[in-house]
Protein backbone atom coordinates (compact mmCIF):
# COMPACT_ATOMS: atom_id res chain seq x y z
CA MET A 1 -24.85 33.65 -10.12
CA SER A 2 -23.17 31.25 -8.05
CA TRP A 3 -23.68 30.08 -4.42
CA SER A 4 -22.25 27.77 -1.72
CA VAL A 5 -24.31 24.77 -0.32
CA ARG A 6 -22.88 23.36 2.89
CA ILE A 7 -22.80 19.54 2.83
CA PRO A 8 -22.72 17.77 6.04
CA ALA A 9 -20.04 15.37 7.05
CA ASP A 10 -22.17 12.59 8.05
CA VAL A 11 -23.62 11.68 4.78
CA GLU A 12 -25.30 8.63 6.38
CA LYS A 13 -26.82 10.01 8.97
CA ASP A 14 -30.86 9.46 8.90
CA ASP A 15 -32.68 12.35 7.63
CA ARG A 16 -34.87 14.39 10.33
CA ILE A 17 -38.79 14.56 9.31
CA VAL A 18 -40.17 15.42 12.40
CA GLY A 19 -38.25 17.96 14.52
CA PRO A 20 -35.75 16.30 15.93
CA CYS A 21 -36.80 12.66 15.10
CA THR A 22 -36.19 10.69 12.28
CA ALA A 23 -38.50 8.51 10.54
CA ARG A 24 -37.81 5.21 12.70
CA GLN A 25 -38.13 7.73 15.95
CA VAL A 26 -41.49 8.70 14.69
CA ALA A 27 -42.88 5.27 13.46
CA ILE A 28 -41.59 4.05 17.38
CA LEU A 29 -43.76 7.01 19.10
CA GLY A 30 -46.31 6.81 16.85
CA GLY A 31 -46.90 3.25 17.08
CA THR A 32 -46.48 3.15 21.15
CA ALA A 33 -49.10 5.80 20.89
CA ALA A 34 -51.57 4.04 18.33
CA LEU A 35 -51.22 1.22 21.14
CA LEU A 36 -51.97 3.25 24.16
CA TYR A 37 -54.67 5.05 22.03
CA GLY A 38 -56.18 1.54 20.83
CA VAL A 39 -56.06 0.08 24.48
CA TYR A 40 -58.04 3.47 25.61
CA VAL A 41 -60.83 3.22 23.15
CA ILE A 42 -61.19 -0.35 24.10
CA ALA A 43 -61.17 -0.44 27.53
CA GLY A 44 -61.69 3.17 28.69
CA ASP A 45 -65.13 2.59 29.78
CA HIS A 46 -64.20 -0.01 32.13
CA ILE A 47 -60.98 1.30 33.37
CA ASP A 48 -60.80 4.51 35.90
CA LEU A 49 -58.66 7.40 33.70
CA LEU A 50 -56.25 7.74 36.64
CA MET A 51 -55.62 3.77 36.42
CA PHE A 52 -55.12 3.85 32.68
CA ALA A 53 -52.83 6.67 33.10
CA ALA A 54 -50.19 5.00 36.18
CA GLY A 55 -50.80 1.61 33.74
CA SER A 56 -49.87 3.39 30.42
CA LEU A 57 -46.81 5.46 31.85
CA PRO A 58 -44.40 2.08 32.09
CA ILE A 59 -45.65 1.58 28.04
CA ALA A 60 -45.08 5.27 27.16
CA VAL A 61 -41.46 5.77 28.99
CA ALA A 62 -40.59 2.13 27.45
CA GLY A 63 -41.26 3.39 23.61
CA LEU A 64 -39.44 6.97 24.10
CA LEU A 65 -36.59 5.25 25.66
CA LEU A 66 -36.61 2.63 22.30
CA ALA A 67 -36.69 5.51 20.10
CA MET A 68 -34.39 8.14 21.77
CA GLY A 69 -32.24 5.73 23.40
CA ARG A 70 -28.53 4.97 22.64
CA ARG A 71 -26.13 2.20 23.42
CA ASP A 72 -22.95 2.50 22.37
CA GLY A 73 -23.36 4.64 19.43
CA VAL A 74 -26.21 2.35 18.34
CA PRO A 75 -29.92 2.93 18.48
CA LEU A 76 -31.54 1.06 21.34
CA ASP A 77 -34.27 -0.64 18.88
CA ARG A 78 -31.26 -1.78 16.67
CA TYR A 79 -29.24 -2.91 19.62
CA LEU A 80 -32.40 -4.94 21.15
CA LEU A 81 -32.98 -6.38 17.72
CA ALA A 82 -29.51 -7.47 17.70
CA ALA A 83 -29.83 -8.76 21.17
CA LEU A 84 -32.77 -11.10 20.00
CA ARG A 85 -31.38 -12.10 17.12
CA HIS A 86 -28.25 -13.36 19.22
CA LEU A 87 -30.64 -15.00 21.70
CA ILE A 88 -32.58 -17.29 19.28
CA SER A 89 -29.82 -17.90 16.66
CA PRO A 90 -28.03 -21.25 16.92
CA LYS A 91 -24.73 -21.00 19.30
CA GLY A 92 -23.25 -24.65 18.11
CA LEU A 93 -21.84 -23.83 14.41
CA ALA A 94 -20.56 -26.43 11.94
CA HIS A 95 -18.38 -25.22 8.96
CA SER A 96 -20.57 -27.20 5.93
CA PRO A 97 -21.83 -25.75 2.86
CA GLU A 98 -25.16 -28.14 3.38
CA GLN A 99 -27.23 -28.39 6.34
CA ALA A 100 -25.17 -29.86 9.47
CA PRO A 101 -25.73 -33.61 9.38
CA ALA A 102 -28.10 -35.11 12.76
CA ALA A 103 -25.82 -36.18 15.80
CA PRO A 104 -24.85 -39.81 16.03
CA ALA A 105 -27.25 -42.59 17.76
CA TRP A 106 -24.36 -42.35 20.15
CA MET A 107 -24.93 -39.37 21.65
CA ALA A 108 -28.76 -38.81 21.16
CA VAL A 109 -28.50 -39.06 25.15
CA ARG A 110 -27.23 -35.42 25.49
CA SER A 111 -29.38 -32.54 25.46
CA SER A 112 -27.23 -30.46 23.51
CA ALA A 113 -28.83 -28.30 20.39
CA ARG A 114 -28.00 -29.85 17.05
CA PRO A 115 -25.82 -27.56 15.12
CA ALA A 116 -26.45 -25.08 12.46
CA PRO A 117 -23.81 -24.51 9.14
CA LEU A 118 -21.45 -21.17 9.67
CA ARG A 119 -21.93 -18.62 7.35
CA LEU A 120 -19.50 -16.64 6.69
CA PRO A 121 -19.17 -13.44 5.04
CA ALA A 122 -15.92 -14.30 3.03
CA ARG A 123 -16.41 -17.57 0.88
CA GLY A 124 -12.65 -17.85 -0.36
CA VAL A 125 -9.82 -16.19 -1.81
CA LEU A 126 -9.89 -15.19 -5.39
CA GLY A 127 -7.02 -14.72 -7.87
CA ASP A 128 -4.53 -11.86 -7.28
CA GLY A 129 -5.23 -12.06 -3.08
CA LEU A 130 -9.28 -10.74 -3.82
CA ILE A 131 -11.73 -12.17 -1.30
CA ASP A 132 -15.28 -13.71 -2.45
CA LEU A 133 -17.76 -12.12 -0.80
CA GLY A 134 -20.45 -13.89 -2.62
CA PRO A 135 -23.12 -11.69 -2.71
CA ASP A 136 -21.43 -8.79 -1.56
CA GLY A 137 -19.40 -8.59 -3.87
CA VAL A 138 -15.75 -8.77 -4.32
CA ALA A 139 -12.31 -7.13 -1.67
CA ALA A 140 -9.31 -6.51 -2.48
CA VAL A 141 -6.81 -5.96 0.58
CA ALA A 142 -3.38 -3.93 0.51
CA GLU A 143 -1.20 -3.14 3.42
CA VAL A 144 -0.34 0.36 3.17
CA SER A 145 2.88 1.78 5.32
CA THR A 146 2.83 4.93 7.83
CA VAL A 147 4.26 8.36 8.21
CA SER A 148 5.22 10.46 10.78
CA PHE A 149 2.41 13.42 10.77
CA ALA A 150 3.61 15.06 13.94
CA LEU A 151 7.22 15.74 12.51
CA ARG A 152 6.19 17.47 9.67
CA THR A 153 6.03 20.98 8.85
CA PRO A 154 2.69 22.64 8.94
CA GLU A 155 3.27 23.12 5.35
CA GLU A 156 4.00 19.45 4.42
CA GLN A 157 1.07 18.47 6.74
CA ASP A 158 -1.29 20.61 4.98
CA ALA A 159 0.41 19.24 1.67
CA LEU A 160 -0.54 15.73 3.09
CA VAL A 161 -3.69 16.45 3.71
CA ALA A 162 -4.94 17.90 0.23
CA THR A 163 -3.12 14.76 -1.11
CA PHE A 164 -5.31 12.54 1.51
CA GLY A 165 -8.37 14.54 0.67
CA ARG A 166 -8.15 14.12 -3.17
CA TRP A 167 -7.71 10.35 -2.53
CA LEU A 168 -10.73 10.79 -0.66
CA ASN A 169 -12.82 12.49 -3.63
CA SER A 170 -11.36 10.27 -6.02
CA LEU A 171 -13.22 7.23 -4.19
CA SER A 172 -16.17 5.17 -6.61
CA GLY A 173 -17.06 2.90 -3.98
CA PRO A 174 -16.86 1.70 -0.41
CA ALA A 175 -13.27 1.52 1.65
CA GLN A 176 -11.72 0.75 4.98
CA ILE A 177 -9.31 1.60 6.68
CA LEU A 178 -7.90 -0.92 9.00
CA VAL A 179 -5.60 -0.57 11.87
CA ARG A 180 -4.50 -3.89 13.82
CA ALA A 181 -2.27 -4.74 15.85
CA GLN A 182 -0.30 -8.35 15.08
CA ARG A 183 2.40 -10.43 17.13
CA VAL A 184 5.56 -10.36 16.25
CA ASP A 185 7.45 -13.83 15.98
CA LEU A 186 11.75 -13.25 15.93
CA ALA A 187 12.54 -16.81 15.85
CA PRO A 188 13.30 -16.56 12.00
CA THR A 189 15.39 -13.47 12.56
CA ILE A 190 17.44 -15.15 15.37
CA ASN A 191 17.72 -18.33 13.24
CA GLN A 192 19.36 -16.20 10.46
CA LEU A 193 21.31 -14.01 12.25
CA VAL A 194 22.81 -17.38 13.89
CA GLU A 195 23.26 -18.86 10.76
CA ASP A 196 25.13 -15.67 9.08
CA ALA A 197 27.41 -15.38 12.12
CA GLY A 198 29.63 -18.09 11.34
CA ALA A 199 30.39 -15.97 7.75
CA LEU A 200 31.37 -12.81 9.38
CA ALA A 201 34.41 -11.45 8.48
CA HIS A 202 35.75 -10.73 12.30
CA PRO A 203 35.54 -12.99 15.62
CA ALA A 204 34.35 -9.86 17.00
CA LEU A 205 31.75 -9.44 14.35
CA THR A 206 30.39 -13.27 15.41
CA ALA A 207 30.75 -12.39 18.70
CA ALA A 208 28.48 -9.25 18.36
CA ALA A 209 25.83 -11.51 16.12
CA HIS A 210 25.34 -13.65 18.71
CA GLU A 211 25.18 -11.24 21.76
CA HIS A 212 22.33 -9.84 19.22
CA ALA A 213 20.75 -12.85 18.91
CA ALA A 214 20.69 -13.70 22.64
CA PHE A 215 19.10 -10.41 23.31
CA LEU A 216 16.09 -10.78 20.81
CA ALA A 217 15.65 -14.33 22.43
CA GLU A 218 15.71 -12.74 25.69
CA LEU A 219 13.44 -9.79 24.09
CA SER A 220 10.48 -12.26 22.82
CA ALA A 221 10.47 -14.26 25.90
CA GLN A 222 9.88 -11.55 28.55
CA HIS A 223 7.63 -9.74 26.45
CA ASP A 224 4.64 -9.90 24.25
CA LEU A 225 5.82 -7.80 20.84
CA LEU A 226 3.63 -6.53 18.60
CA ARG A 227 3.56 -4.56 15.49
CA ARG A 228 1.08 -2.03 13.71
CA GLN A 229 -0.41 -3.39 10.32
CA VAL A 230 -2.44 -0.89 8.11
CA LEU A 231 -4.48 -2.41 5.88
CA LEU A 232 -6.65 -0.89 2.98
CA VAL A 233 -9.75 -3.00 2.11
CA VAL A 234 -11.87 -1.93 -1.16
CA ARG A 235 -15.13 -4.01 -1.85
CA GLU A 236 -16.75 -3.66 -4.90
CA PRO A 237 -20.44 -5.26 -5.56
CA THR A 238 -21.14 -8.39 -8.14
CA GLY A 239 -22.91 -5.84 -11.01
CA GLY A 240 -21.41 -7.15 -13.95
CA GLY A 241 -20.52 -10.30 -13.13
CA GLN A 242 -17.32 -11.15 -10.61
CA GLU A 243 -14.61 -10.62 -13.32
CA ALA A 244 -15.87 -7.43 -14.11
CA ALA A 245 -16.28 -6.71 -9.87
CA ALA A 246 -12.53 -8.00 -9.63
CA ALA A 247 -11.10 -5.46 -12.10
CA ARG A 248 -12.52 -3.03 -10.73
CA ALA A 249 -11.36 -3.76 -7.06
CA LEU A 250 -7.88 -4.06 -8.47
CA ARG A 251 -8.24 -1.12 -10.36
CA ARG A 252 -8.65 0.98 -7.47
CA VAL A 253 -6.17 -0.43 -5.55
CA GLU A 254 -3.82 0.65 -8.06
CA GLU A 255 -5.26 4.37 -7.80
CA ALA A 256 -4.77 4.41 -4.35
CA THR A 257 -0.97 3.00 -5.36
CA ARG A 258 -0.42 5.71 -7.63
CA LEU A 259 -2.13 8.81 -5.39
CA LEU A 260 -1.01 7.63 -1.74
CA PRO A 261 2.77 7.99 -2.31
CA ALA A 262 2.48 11.80 -2.56
CA CYS A 263 2.06 11.49 1.14
CA GLY A 264 4.81 9.52 1.85
CA VAL A 265 3.08 6.21 2.13
CA THR A 266 3.60 3.07 0.04
CA VAL A 267 0.43 0.35 -1.15
CA LYS A 268 1.33 -3.16 -1.51
CA LEU A 269 -1.78 -5.17 -2.48
CA LEU A 270 -1.61 -8.43 -0.74
CA ASN A 271 -1.37 -11.88 -2.70
CA ASP A 272 -3.15 -15.04 -2.06
CA ASP A 273 -1.26 -16.31 0.62
CA ALA A 274 -0.92 -13.05 2.68
CA THR A 275 -4.76 -12.65 2.23
CA SER A 276 -5.62 -16.07 3.80
CA ALA A 277 -3.19 -15.41 5.95
CA VAL A 278 -4.73 -11.95 7.14
CA LEU A 279 -8.19 -13.79 7.31
CA ALA A 280 -6.90 -16.86 9.52
CA SER A 281 -5.87 -14.25 11.90
CA CYS A 282 -8.71 -12.59 12.26
CA PHE A 283 -10.09 -15.77 13.99
CA ASP A 284 -7.77 -15.58 16.69
CA PRO A 285 -5.50 -12.56 16.79
CA ALA A 286 -3.76 -13.42 19.77
CA ALA A 287 -2.00 -16.19 18.25
CA PRO A 288 1.05 -16.04 16.51
CA PRO A 289 1.49 -15.59 12.77
CA LEU A 290 0.84 -18.53 10.91
CA SER A 291 2.98 -19.80 7.61
CA ILE A 292 1.24 -20.59 4.28
CA GLY A 293 2.42 -24.39 5.48
CA GLN A 294 0.13 -23.85 8.59
CA LEU A 295 -3.12 -23.18 6.30
CA ALA A 296 -5.47 -26.74 5.68
CA ASP A 297 -6.68 -26.77 1.64
CA PRO A 298 -10.48 -26.17 1.19
CA GLY A 299 -11.86 -29.74 2.35
CA GLU A 300 -8.72 -30.94 3.98
CA VAL A 301 -9.29 -32.20 7.38
CA VAL A 302 -7.68 -30.64 10.42
CA THR A 303 -5.46 -32.42 12.74
CA ARG A 304 -3.10 -31.76 15.68
CA GLY A 305 0.65 -32.04 15.36
CA GLU A 306 2.84 -34.79 16.99
CA HIS A 307 4.18 -31.72 19.14
CA GLN A 308 0.60 -30.59 20.38
């Protein structure tokens, strides 16, 4: 005997335990009802029923909105909890593994709050371009090329979807596909083009190279050039130790490198320098991409250049 089982697409969706309500919503609604009932039991003999109903109506409506409301796809209770956590958390953060030092004596007249340590999810970059996430495990980042899906025939599109689906079914841990816009710096290309122009065999080719370099310089000056970068991020928990987690993350990237080329894309694991550059660009996406020589070493004092 065989039968089919329907599996929901959103496997992380909360289970509904009472009608359309989840356990979280039932807890909020039940807590609101218990609060109103307790107030009625305590003060019901001293308050008119109509006045009690009028006073309890805003509380009931607030509990209903808190349980059923959503903001930007986030349940309203979690949204308000995140807002409260943001309000009470310190805004001045300092990159220090220990408690932030006290302000010097000459700053005692200021009323600004004492800075708190800045806790980042990424602790550093390990070997092979892996990101140390501390208690959350290890993450590996790979750059993925793109493929034109609309230009393929329906048969080719079905084959691409089937191959991508096989890779999704093979996942054994969390994975993220990140599409980000990155600024393009044409200065190295222009400089290399000008340097190579003198070695061309014909003066007409040299003139064409200089014209093309001038065109690229004008294009870079008049427009904010961007390129699309697709990153594949896989994460492994620290079960069995950090080395075991790193080996599992690298193995999952190797599996993607082996399976995804059937979709017409290539997967390339980022090295230490490329991973550090990606993390640095996340703090200031609008800034030009940093070269490896511009990144400060751990513990190095960050200074400003003479040209700034």
